[in-house]
N, C-alpha and C. Protein backbone atom coordinates (compact mmCIF):
# COMPACT_ATOMS: atom_id res chain seq x y z
N MET A 1 0.83 -1.18 0.00
CA MET A 1 0.00 -0.02 -0.05
C MET A 1 0.88 1.23 0.01
N ASN A 2 0.62 2.17 -0.98
CA ASN A 2 1.38 3.43 -0.93
C ASN A 2 0.91 4.30 0.15
N THR A 3 1.84 5.11 0.66
CA THR A 3 1.54 6.06 1.70
C THR A 3 0.81 7.26 0.99
N PRO A 4 -0.40 7.62 1.58
CA PRO A 4 -1.10 8.70 0.97
C PRO A 4 -0.40 10.04 1.29
N ALA A 5 -0.69 11.05 0.42
CA ALA A 5 -0.24 12.38 0.60
C ALA A 5 -0.77 12.86 2.00
N ALA A 6 -0.01 13.59 2.72
CA ALA A 6 -0.44 13.94 4.04
C ALA A 6 -0.12 15.47 4.25
N VAL A 7 -0.89 16.07 5.11
CA VAL A 7 -0.70 17.46 5.46
C VAL A 7 -0.84 17.60 6.98
N HIS A 8 0.04 18.41 7.58
CA HIS A 8 0.03 18.61 9.03
C HIS A 8 -1.06 19.64 9.35
N PRO A 9 -1.58 19.60 10.56
CA PRO A 9 -2.64 20.60 10.92
C PRO A 9 -2.26 22.02 10.66
N VAL A 10 -1.01 22.39 10.98
CA VAL A 10 -0.59 23.77 10.80
C VAL A 10 -0.73 24.18 9.37
N GLN A 11 -0.33 23.26 8.40
CA GLN A 11 -0.55 23.61 6.97
C GLN A 11 -1.92 23.60 6.59
N ALA A 12 -2.73 22.67 7.16
CA ALA A 12 -4.10 22.50 6.73
C ALA A 12 -4.91 23.73 7.18
N VAL A 13 -4.69 24.26 8.37
CA VAL A 13 -5.42 25.38 8.85
C VAL A 13 -5.10 26.65 7.99
N GLU A 14 -3.85 26.81 7.41
CA GLU A 14 -3.61 27.91 6.60
C GLU A 14 -4.35 27.87 5.27
N HIS A 15 -4.67 26.65 4.83
CA HIS A 15 -5.26 26.46 3.47
C HIS A 15 -6.61 25.75 3.58
N LEU A 16 -7.28 25.81 4.71
CA LEU A 16 -8.55 25.11 4.88
C LEU A 16 -9.60 25.44 3.90
N GLY A 17 -9.61 26.62 3.37
CA GLY A 17 -10.62 26.99 2.34
C GLY A 17 -10.34 26.40 1.02
N THR A 18 -9.23 25.77 0.79
CA THR A 18 -8.87 25.14 -0.50
C THR A 18 -9.18 23.62 -0.51
N TYR A 19 -9.70 23.13 0.59
CA TYR A 19 -9.96 21.66 0.67
C TYR A 19 -11.51 21.46 0.80
N THR A 20 -11.93 20.28 0.30
CA THR A 20 -13.12 19.75 0.68
C THR A 20 -12.87 18.76 1.75
N VAL A 21 -13.24 19.02 3.06
CA VAL A 21 -12.93 18.20 4.12
C VAL A 21 -13.95 17.12 4.35
N ILE A 22 -13.48 15.82 4.39
CA ILE A 22 -14.28 14.61 4.52
C ILE A 22 -13.86 14.01 5.76
N ASP A 23 -14.76 13.92 6.76
CA ASP A 23 -14.43 13.25 8.07
C ASP A 23 -15.09 11.81 7.92
N VAL A 24 -14.17 10.75 8.11
CA VAL A 24 -14.60 9.41 7.89
C VAL A 24 -14.88 8.66 9.22
N ARG A 25 -15.05 9.44 10.32
CA ARG A 25 -15.46 8.87 11.58
C ARG A 25 -16.86 8.54 11.59
N THR A 26 -17.33 7.92 12.64
CA THR A 26 -18.80 7.65 12.85
C THR A 26 -19.50 8.99 13.11
N PRO A 27 -20.90 8.99 12.85
CA PRO A 27 -21.62 10.22 13.12
C PRO A 27 -21.50 10.70 14.53
N GLY A 28 -21.43 9.76 15.54
CA GLY A 28 -21.33 10.12 16.92
C GLY A 28 -20.02 10.84 17.16
N GLU A 29 -18.94 10.30 16.61
CA GLU A 29 -17.63 10.96 16.76
C GLU A 29 -17.59 12.37 16.11
N PHE A 30 -18.17 12.38 14.90
CA PHE A 30 -18.24 13.65 14.13
C PHE A 30 -18.97 14.68 14.91
N ALA A 31 -20.02 14.32 15.64
CA ALA A 31 -20.85 15.26 16.40
C ALA A 31 -20.05 15.91 17.55
N VAL A 32 -19.18 15.08 18.16
CA VAL A 32 -18.41 15.54 19.27
C VAL A 32 -17.49 16.70 18.85
N GLY A 33 -16.96 16.77 17.69
CA GLY A 33 -16.13 17.79 17.29
C GLY A 33 -15.45 17.46 15.89
N HIS A 34 -15.54 18.35 14.90
CA HIS A 34 -14.98 18.14 13.57
C HIS A 34 -14.39 19.43 12.98
N LEU A 35 -13.51 19.31 12.03
CA LEU A 35 -12.98 20.49 11.33
C LEU A 35 -14.11 21.35 10.75
N PRO A 36 -13.95 22.66 10.81
CA PRO A 36 -15.00 23.58 10.32
C PRO A 36 -15.32 23.20 8.79
N GLY A 37 -16.54 23.08 8.55
CA GLY A 37 -17.01 22.88 7.13
C GLY A 37 -16.93 21.41 6.68
N ALA A 38 -16.48 20.46 7.58
CA ALA A 38 -16.28 19.08 7.22
C ALA A 38 -17.60 18.41 6.88
N HIS A 39 -17.53 17.43 5.96
CA HIS A 39 -18.70 16.57 5.56
C HIS A 39 -18.44 15.22 6.22
N ASN A 40 -19.45 14.60 6.71
CA ASN A 40 -19.35 13.31 7.36
C ASN A 40 -19.69 12.19 6.45
N ILE A 41 -18.74 11.41 6.07
CA ILE A 41 -18.97 10.11 5.32
C ILE A 41 -18.20 9.03 6.08
N PRO A 42 -18.94 8.24 6.90
CA PRO A 42 -18.15 7.22 7.61
C PRO A 42 -17.46 6.19 6.66
N LEU A 43 -16.30 5.75 7.16
CA LEU A 43 -15.40 4.93 6.29
C LEU A 43 -16.09 3.78 5.70
N ASP A 44 -17.06 3.15 6.42
CA ASP A 44 -17.80 1.95 5.84
C ASP A 44 -18.83 2.37 4.82
N HIS A 45 -18.99 3.67 4.62
CA HIS A 45 -20.01 4.11 3.52
C HIS A 45 -19.27 4.84 2.41
N LEU A 46 -17.91 4.72 2.43
CA LEU A 46 -17.15 5.51 1.46
C LEU A 46 -17.37 4.92 0.04
N GLY A 47 -17.57 3.59 -0.09
CA GLY A 47 -17.78 3.05 -1.44
C GLY A 47 -18.98 3.69 -2.10
N ALA A 48 -20.12 3.85 -1.33
CA ALA A 48 -21.32 4.47 -1.94
C ALA A 48 -21.13 5.92 -2.28
N ALA A 49 -20.10 6.52 -1.74
CA ALA A 49 -19.80 7.96 -1.96
C ALA A 49 -18.86 8.26 -3.07
N LEU A 50 -18.30 7.22 -3.62
CA LEU A 50 -17.27 7.47 -4.67
C LEU A 50 -17.71 8.38 -5.74
N PRO A 51 -18.84 8.19 -6.38
CA PRO A 51 -19.22 9.17 -7.47
C PRO A 51 -19.19 10.61 -7.05
N ALA A 52 -19.81 10.83 -5.81
CA ALA A 52 -19.89 12.24 -5.35
C ALA A 52 -18.48 12.79 -5.01
N LEU A 53 -17.60 11.91 -4.46
CA LEU A 53 -16.30 12.29 -4.11
C LEU A 53 -15.46 12.53 -5.39
N LYS A 54 -15.69 11.76 -6.39
CA LYS A 54 -14.91 12.02 -7.71
C LYS A 54 -15.30 13.36 -8.26
N THR A 55 -16.63 13.74 -8.18
CA THR A 55 -17.00 15.04 -8.64
C THR A 55 -16.41 16.23 -7.68
N ALA A 56 -16.48 15.99 -6.46
CA ALA A 56 -15.90 16.96 -5.51
C ALA A 56 -14.40 17.15 -5.69
N ALA A 57 -13.68 16.06 -6.02
CA ALA A 57 -12.23 16.17 -6.18
C ALA A 57 -11.87 16.93 -7.45
N THR A 58 -12.75 17.17 -8.39
CA THR A 58 -12.43 17.90 -9.54
C THR A 58 -12.42 19.43 -9.26
N ARG A 59 -13.12 19.82 -8.14
CA ARG A 59 -13.22 21.18 -7.77
C ARG A 59 -12.18 21.63 -6.76
N ARG A 60 -11.95 20.77 -5.77
CA ARG A 60 -10.99 21.00 -4.65
C ARG A 60 -10.30 19.78 -4.24
N THR A 61 -9.22 19.93 -3.56
CA THR A 61 -8.44 18.81 -3.05
C THR A 61 -9.36 18.25 -1.83
N LEU A 62 -9.38 16.88 -1.83
CA LEU A 62 -10.12 16.20 -0.75
C LEU A 62 -9.15 16.02 0.38
N LEU A 63 -9.52 16.52 1.63
CA LEU A 63 -8.78 16.35 2.85
C LEU A 63 -9.51 15.29 3.68
N MET A 64 -8.99 14.13 3.79
CA MET A 64 -9.67 13.08 4.56
C MET A 64 -9.20 13.22 6.04
N VAL A 65 -10.15 13.07 6.95
CA VAL A 65 -9.86 13.24 8.37
C VAL A 65 -10.58 12.21 9.16
N CYS A 66 -9.85 11.75 10.30
CA CYS A 66 -10.40 10.85 11.25
C CYS A 66 -9.84 11.33 12.59
N ALA A 67 -9.98 10.46 13.61
CA ALA A 67 -9.44 10.85 14.89
C ALA A 67 -8.01 10.84 15.02
N SER A 68 -7.28 9.93 14.42
CA SER A 68 -5.85 9.89 14.58
C SER A 68 -5.00 9.88 13.25
N GLY A 69 -5.76 9.59 12.12
CA GLY A 69 -5.07 9.55 10.87
C GLY A 69 -5.05 8.17 10.24
N ASN A 70 -5.42 7.13 11.06
CA ASN A 70 -5.44 5.74 10.51
C ASN A 70 -6.56 5.51 9.53
N ARG A 71 -7.75 5.87 9.89
CA ARG A 71 -8.94 5.65 9.09
C ARG A 71 -8.87 6.55 7.87
N SER A 72 -8.38 7.74 8.02
CA SER A 72 -8.30 8.71 6.84
C SER A 72 -7.25 8.17 5.86
N ALA A 73 -6.13 7.54 6.32
CA ALA A 73 -5.11 7.01 5.45
C ALA A 73 -5.75 5.78 4.69
N ALA A 74 -6.57 4.98 5.37
CA ALA A 74 -7.30 3.86 4.66
C ALA A 74 -8.32 4.40 3.69
N ALA A 75 -8.94 5.53 3.98
CA ALA A 75 -9.95 6.13 3.00
C ALA A 75 -9.14 6.67 1.80
N CYS A 76 -7.98 7.27 2.04
CA CYS A 76 -7.17 7.69 0.90
C CYS A 76 -6.76 6.56 0.00
N ALA A 77 -6.39 5.44 0.58
CA ALA A 77 -6.05 4.23 -0.18
C ALA A 77 -7.19 3.77 -0.99
N GLN A 78 -8.37 3.72 -0.44
CA GLN A 78 -9.61 3.36 -1.09
C GLN A 78 -9.93 4.33 -2.25
N LEU A 79 -9.75 5.59 -2.01
CA LEU A 79 -9.97 6.62 -3.03
C LEU A 79 -8.93 6.39 -4.19
N ALA A 80 -7.72 6.21 -3.80
CA ALA A 80 -6.62 5.99 -4.81
C ALA A 80 -6.96 4.82 -5.74
N ASP A 81 -7.47 3.80 -5.18
CA ASP A 81 -7.93 2.63 -6.03
C ASP A 81 -9.00 2.98 -6.99
N ALA A 82 -9.76 3.99 -6.74
CA ALA A 82 -10.83 4.52 -7.59
C ALA A 82 -10.35 5.70 -8.40
N ASP A 83 -8.98 5.91 -8.44
CA ASP A 83 -8.38 7.05 -9.16
C ASP A 83 -8.95 8.45 -8.69
N ILE A 84 -9.17 8.62 -7.37
CA ILE A 84 -9.57 9.82 -6.78
C ILE A 84 -8.47 10.33 -5.87
N PRO A 85 -7.81 11.42 -6.19
CA PRO A 85 -6.72 11.93 -5.39
C PRO A 85 -7.26 12.49 -4.04
N ALA A 86 -6.53 12.21 -2.99
CA ALA A 86 -6.98 12.78 -1.64
C ALA A 86 -5.73 12.85 -0.77
N THR A 87 -5.86 13.72 0.29
CA THR A 87 -4.79 13.92 1.22
C THR A 87 -5.36 13.60 2.57
N THR A 88 -4.51 13.11 3.47
CA THR A 88 -4.88 12.84 4.82
C THR A 88 -4.34 13.85 5.77
N LEU A 89 -5.08 14.10 6.83
CA LEU A 89 -4.61 15.00 7.91
C LEU A 89 -3.74 14.29 8.90
N THR A 90 -2.48 14.58 8.99
CA THR A 90 -1.56 13.93 9.97
C THR A 90 -2.03 14.11 11.29
N GLY A 91 -2.21 13.04 12.05
CA GLY A 91 -2.62 13.11 13.42
C GLY A 91 -4.16 13.29 13.68
N GLY A 92 -4.83 13.46 12.58
CA GLY A 92 -6.31 13.53 12.69
C GLY A 92 -6.78 14.72 13.48
N THR A 93 -8.04 14.60 13.97
CA THR A 93 -8.64 15.71 14.78
C THR A 93 -7.98 15.77 16.12
N ALA A 94 -7.35 14.73 16.60
CA ALA A 94 -6.66 14.75 17.90
C ALA A 94 -5.54 15.83 17.80
N ALA A 95 -4.79 15.75 16.73
CA ALA A 95 -3.66 16.64 16.56
C ALA A 95 -4.22 18.09 16.29
N TRP A 96 -5.28 18.08 15.50
CA TRP A 96 -5.83 19.45 15.18
C TRP A 96 -6.34 20.14 16.48
N ILE A 97 -7.01 19.44 17.37
CA ILE A 97 -7.48 20.03 18.58
C ILE A 97 -6.30 20.30 19.55
N GLU A 98 -5.30 19.47 19.61
CA GLU A 98 -4.15 19.67 20.47
C GLU A 98 -3.42 20.88 20.11
N GLN A 99 -3.41 21.26 18.80
CA GLN A 99 -2.74 22.49 18.35
C GLN A 99 -3.59 23.69 18.52
N GLY A 100 -4.79 23.56 19.07
CA GLY A 100 -5.61 24.67 19.32
C GLY A 100 -6.46 25.20 18.25
N HIS A 101 -6.59 24.48 17.12
CA HIS A 101 -7.42 24.82 15.97
C HIS A 101 -8.88 24.71 16.31
N PRO A 102 -9.79 25.51 15.64
CA PRO A 102 -11.18 25.37 16.02
C PRO A 102 -11.86 24.18 15.49
N VAL A 103 -12.91 23.72 16.23
CA VAL A 103 -13.76 22.60 15.72
C VAL A 103 -15.22 23.02 15.81
N ASP A 104 -15.95 22.45 15.01
CA ASP A 104 -17.49 22.68 15.07
C ASP A 104 -18.00 21.44 15.81
N ARG A 105 -19.12 21.67 16.51
CA ARG A 105 -19.78 20.64 17.19
C ARG A 105 -21.24 20.59 16.77
N ALA A 106 -21.81 19.36 16.79
CA ALA A 106 -23.18 19.22 16.39
C ALA A 106 -24.12 19.78 17.49
N ASN A 107 -25.18 20.37 17.05
CA ASN A 107 -26.15 20.87 18.01
C ASN A 107 -27.01 19.77 18.49
N THR A 108 -26.47 18.93 19.42
CA THR A 108 -27.12 17.87 19.96
C THR A 108 -26.68 17.69 21.42
N ALA A 109 -27.61 17.49 22.33
CA ALA A 109 -27.28 17.34 23.71
C ALA A 109 -26.67 15.97 23.94
N LYS A 110 -26.95 15.00 23.12
CA LYS A 110 -26.49 13.65 23.37
C LYS A 110 -25.54 13.20 22.28
N ALA A 111 -24.31 13.70 22.37
CA ALA A 111 -23.25 13.29 21.39
C ALA A 111 -22.67 11.90 21.85
N SER A 112 -22.33 11.16 20.85
CA SER A 112 -21.77 9.86 21.22
C SER A 112 -20.37 9.93 21.61
N TRP A 113 -19.85 8.98 22.24
CA TRP A 113 -18.41 8.86 22.63
C TRP A 113 -17.56 8.65 21.40
N ALA A 114 -16.33 9.13 21.50
CA ALA A 114 -15.35 8.85 20.38
C ALA A 114 -15.15 7.39 20.38
N MET A 115 -14.77 6.86 19.15
CA MET A 115 -14.73 5.43 18.97
C MET A 115 -13.61 4.80 19.89
N GLU A 116 -12.49 5.48 20.15
CA GLU A 116 -11.48 4.94 21.04
C GLU A 116 -12.06 4.81 22.41
N ARG A 117 -12.81 5.70 22.89
CA ARG A 117 -13.46 5.63 24.19
C ARG A 117 -14.52 4.47 24.25
N GLN A 118 -15.27 4.28 23.14
CA GLN A 118 -16.20 3.15 23.10
C GLN A 118 -15.40 1.80 23.15
N VAL A 119 -14.30 1.77 22.44
CA VAL A 119 -13.49 0.54 22.45
C VAL A 119 -12.96 0.24 23.91
N ARG A 120 -12.48 1.28 24.55
CA ARG A 120 -11.86 1.06 25.93
C ARG A 120 -13.01 0.64 26.86
N PHE A 121 -14.14 1.25 26.67
CA PHE A 121 -15.31 0.84 27.63
C PHE A 121 -15.68 -0.60 27.30
N ALA A 122 -15.88 -0.98 26.15
CA ALA A 122 -16.32 -2.32 25.76
C ALA A 122 -15.24 -3.37 26.12
N ALA A 123 -14.00 -3.09 25.82
CA ALA A 123 -12.96 -4.03 26.20
C ALA A 123 -12.80 -4.24 27.68
N GLY A 124 -12.76 -3.06 28.46
CA GLY A 124 -12.70 -3.15 29.87
C GLY A 124 -13.91 -3.91 30.46
N SER A 125 -15.09 -3.58 30.04
CA SER A 125 -16.28 -4.25 30.49
C SER A 125 -16.19 -5.79 30.24
N LEU A 126 -15.82 -6.18 29.08
CA LEU A 126 -15.73 -7.60 28.82
C LEU A 126 -14.63 -8.32 29.62
N VAL A 127 -13.50 -7.62 29.90
CA VAL A 127 -12.49 -8.19 30.76
C VAL A 127 -13.00 -8.40 32.23
N VAL A 128 -13.65 -7.32 32.73
CA VAL A 128 -14.22 -7.40 34.07
C VAL A 128 -15.26 -8.56 34.17
N ALA A 129 -16.07 -8.60 33.21
CA ALA A 129 -17.18 -9.59 33.09
C ALA A 129 -16.47 -11.02 33.17
N GLY A 130 -15.47 -11.27 32.25
CA GLY A 130 -14.80 -12.50 32.24
C GLY A 130 -14.18 -12.88 33.52
N LEU A 131 -13.62 -11.89 34.22
CA LEU A 131 -12.96 -12.22 35.53
C LEU A 131 -14.09 -12.48 36.55
N ALA A 132 -15.11 -11.73 36.62
CA ALA A 132 -16.19 -11.87 37.54
C ALA A 132 -16.83 -13.22 37.31
N LEU A 133 -17.18 -13.52 36.06
CA LEU A 133 -17.84 -14.83 35.78
C LEU A 133 -16.87 -15.96 36.11
N GLY A 134 -15.64 -15.73 35.94
CA GLY A 134 -14.59 -16.68 36.12
C GLY A 134 -14.50 -17.17 37.61
N THR A 135 -15.01 -16.36 38.55
CA THR A 135 -14.99 -16.84 39.94
C THR A 135 -15.92 -18.00 40.22
N ARG A 136 -16.99 -18.11 39.37
CA ARG A 136 -17.97 -19.18 39.49
C ARG A 136 -17.81 -20.28 38.41
N TYR A 137 -17.46 -19.82 37.23
CA TYR A 137 -17.34 -20.69 36.05
C TYR A 137 -15.97 -20.48 35.43
N ARG A 138 -14.97 -21.31 35.82
CA ARG A 138 -13.59 -20.99 35.44
C ARG A 138 -13.35 -20.71 33.93
N PRO A 139 -13.97 -21.43 33.03
CA PRO A 139 -13.76 -21.19 31.57
C PRO A 139 -14.16 -19.72 31.12
N ALA A 140 -14.92 -19.05 31.89
CA ALA A 140 -15.34 -17.67 31.50
C ALA A 140 -14.09 -16.80 31.57
N ARG A 141 -13.05 -17.18 32.23
CA ARG A 141 -11.80 -16.38 32.24
C ARG A 141 -11.20 -16.22 30.85
N TRP A 142 -11.53 -17.12 29.97
CA TRP A 142 -10.93 -17.12 28.63
C TRP A 142 -11.52 -15.93 27.85
N LEU A 143 -12.66 -15.42 28.26
CA LEU A 143 -13.14 -14.14 27.69
C LEU A 143 -12.10 -13.11 27.88
N SER A 144 -11.69 -12.90 29.12
CA SER A 144 -10.72 -11.84 29.52
C SER A 144 -9.35 -12.07 28.62
N ALA A 145 -9.01 -13.30 28.57
CA ALA A 145 -7.78 -13.67 27.84
C ALA A 145 -7.95 -13.32 26.29
N ALA A 146 -9.12 -13.61 25.80
CA ALA A 146 -9.34 -13.32 24.32
C ALA A 146 -9.41 -11.81 24.06
N ILE A 147 -9.96 -11.06 24.97
CA ILE A 147 -9.97 -9.63 24.79
C ILE A 147 -8.55 -9.01 24.92
N GLY A 148 -7.83 -9.52 25.84
CA GLY A 148 -6.38 -9.09 26.01
C GLY A 148 -5.62 -9.45 24.76
N GLY A 149 -5.74 -10.61 24.27
CA GLY A 149 -5.07 -11.03 22.98
C GLY A 149 -5.53 -10.23 21.86
N GLY A 150 -6.76 -9.83 21.78
CA GLY A 150 -7.29 -8.94 20.71
C GLY A 150 -6.63 -7.60 20.79
N LEU A 151 -6.46 -7.08 22.03
CA LEU A 151 -5.88 -5.74 22.15
C LEU A 151 -4.42 -5.77 21.70
N VAL A 152 -3.70 -6.87 22.08
CA VAL A 152 -2.28 -6.98 21.65
C VAL A 152 -2.24 -7.00 20.10
N PHE A 153 -3.06 -7.87 19.52
CA PHE A 153 -3.09 -7.95 18.06
C PHE A 153 -3.40 -6.55 17.45
N SER A 154 -4.37 -5.89 18.00
CA SER A 154 -4.81 -4.53 17.54
C SER A 154 -3.55 -3.61 17.51
N ALA A 155 -2.86 -3.69 18.64
CA ALA A 155 -1.59 -2.79 18.72
C ALA A 155 -0.56 -3.10 17.66
N LEU A 156 -0.34 -4.45 17.50
CA LEU A 156 0.76 -4.88 16.65
C LEU A 156 0.39 -4.60 15.08
N THR A 157 -0.95 -4.70 14.80
CA THR A 157 -1.33 -4.54 13.36
C THR A 157 -1.87 -3.11 13.06
N ASN A 158 -2.04 -2.36 14.19
CA ASN A 158 -2.61 -1.02 13.94
C ASN A 158 -3.99 -1.03 13.32
N THR A 159 -4.79 -2.08 13.71
CA THR A 159 -6.13 -2.20 13.26
C THR A 159 -6.97 -2.47 14.54
N CYS A 160 -8.27 -2.41 14.35
CA CYS A 160 -9.14 -2.62 15.49
C CYS A 160 -10.46 -3.31 15.13
N GLY A 161 -10.46 -4.53 15.35
CA GLY A 161 -11.73 -5.30 14.95
C GLY A 161 -12.83 -4.87 15.84
N MET A 162 -12.60 -4.55 17.14
CA MET A 162 -13.76 -4.15 18.02
C MET A 162 -14.30 -2.81 17.54
N ALA A 163 -13.47 -1.88 17.05
CA ALA A 163 -13.96 -0.60 16.55
C ALA A 163 -14.81 -0.84 15.25
N ALA A 164 -14.39 -1.77 14.45
CA ALA A 164 -15.15 -2.11 13.26
C ALA A 164 -16.50 -2.66 13.64
N VAL A 165 -16.61 -3.48 14.66
CA VAL A 165 -17.88 -3.98 15.13
C VAL A 165 -18.71 -2.93 15.77
N LEU A 166 -18.14 -2.09 16.59
CA LEU A 166 -18.86 -0.97 17.32
C LEU A 166 -19.40 0.03 16.33
N ALA A 167 -18.61 0.22 15.23
CA ALA A 167 -19.11 1.23 14.11
C ALA A 167 -20.39 0.77 13.50
N LYS A 168 -20.70 -0.47 13.64
CA LYS A 168 -21.96 -1.03 13.03
C LYS A 168 -23.18 -0.72 13.92
N LEU A 169 -22.96 -0.30 15.21
CA LEU A 169 -24.13 -0.06 16.04
C LEU A 169 -24.97 1.11 15.55
N PRO A 170 -26.24 1.07 15.87
CA PRO A 170 -27.13 2.19 15.32
C PRO A 170 -26.70 3.59 15.74
N HIS A 171 -26.16 3.75 16.93
CA HIS A 171 -25.79 5.20 17.30
C HIS A 171 -24.53 5.70 16.55
N ASN A 172 -23.80 4.72 15.87
CA ASN A 172 -22.68 5.15 15.12
C ASN A 172 -22.90 5.16 13.64
N GLN A 173 -24.14 4.93 13.25
CA GLN A 173 -24.53 4.96 11.84
C GLN A 173 -25.19 6.26 11.41
N PRO A 174 -24.84 6.81 10.22
CA PRO A 174 -25.43 8.04 9.78
C PRO A 174 -26.93 7.77 9.49
N ARG A 175 -27.71 8.77 9.71
CA ARG A 175 -29.09 8.73 9.20
C ARG A 175 -29.03 8.83 7.70
N THR A 176 -29.86 8.05 7.07
CA THR A 176 -29.85 8.01 5.55
C THR A 176 -30.02 9.40 4.99
N THR A 177 -30.88 10.16 5.62
CA THR A 177 -31.15 11.57 5.08
C THR A 177 -29.90 12.44 5.21
N ASP A 178 -29.11 12.24 6.27
CA ASP A 178 -27.90 13.08 6.42
C ASP A 178 -26.96 12.64 5.45
N LEU A 179 -26.71 11.35 5.19
CA LEU A 179 -25.71 10.87 4.20
C LEU A 179 -26.12 11.30 2.83
N ASP A 180 -27.37 11.16 2.52
CA ASP A 180 -27.87 11.52 1.17
C ASP A 180 -27.68 13.01 0.90
N ALA A 181 -27.91 13.85 1.92
CA ALA A 181 -27.78 15.35 1.77
C ALA A 181 -26.28 15.67 1.60
N THR A 182 -25.41 14.91 2.28
CA THR A 182 -23.98 15.17 2.08
C THR A 182 -23.50 14.79 0.76
N LEU A 183 -24.01 13.67 0.24
CA LEU A 183 -23.60 13.24 -1.10
C LEU A 183 -24.17 14.15 -2.18
N ARG A 184 -25.34 14.67 -2.04
CA ARG A 184 -25.91 15.65 -2.95
C ARG A 184 -25.06 16.89 -2.90
N ALA A 185 -24.71 17.39 -1.77
CA ALA A 185 -23.91 18.63 -1.67
C ALA A 185 -22.54 18.42 -2.37
N LEU A 186 -21.93 17.26 -2.21
CA LEU A 186 -20.60 16.99 -2.76
C LEU A 186 -20.72 16.84 -4.29
N GLY A 187 -21.76 16.19 -4.72
CA GLY A 187 -21.99 15.93 -6.15
C GLY A 187 -22.38 17.13 -7.08
N GLN A 188 -22.78 18.22 -6.39
CA GLN A 188 -23.19 19.43 -7.13
C GLN A 188 -22.03 20.16 -7.75
């Protein structure tokens, strides 16, 4: 896999108006805080958005954004396979916020947790459940071992199967009307 073109937050903020910003995080993560003017197309819906993104890329450079830069790099690779040029934001929104750049937040009282926080909560809960159940039913401790092994695998491969599963939950899915409106706006 080729390394996608990347831009650091300092460079991106200087030229923000020259980009079409696409945030590939879940809608819940997007609502918590995103780059000004960003459009939300979750990574698992990117395939359906390719025609609109191809049109948008003819007008402006696509800047792909996620929490840390991993999902946006994967999005850039998927776009490159479809001959759509795109750039990734190095360090993602975490680096953007850390450097003090502005973010927009959704007007919702109930914003979802960031995916990393959802993974930590789910993994921790499963480990505790495995240990607690293991006091009465010894084989239940294997649940804790499996989660621990999964976390080690996740760190070694820089992937996260649990995040992929959690992204499928209803609160992490875009409303069809929101995604359709985003695709119409990009395709015009």
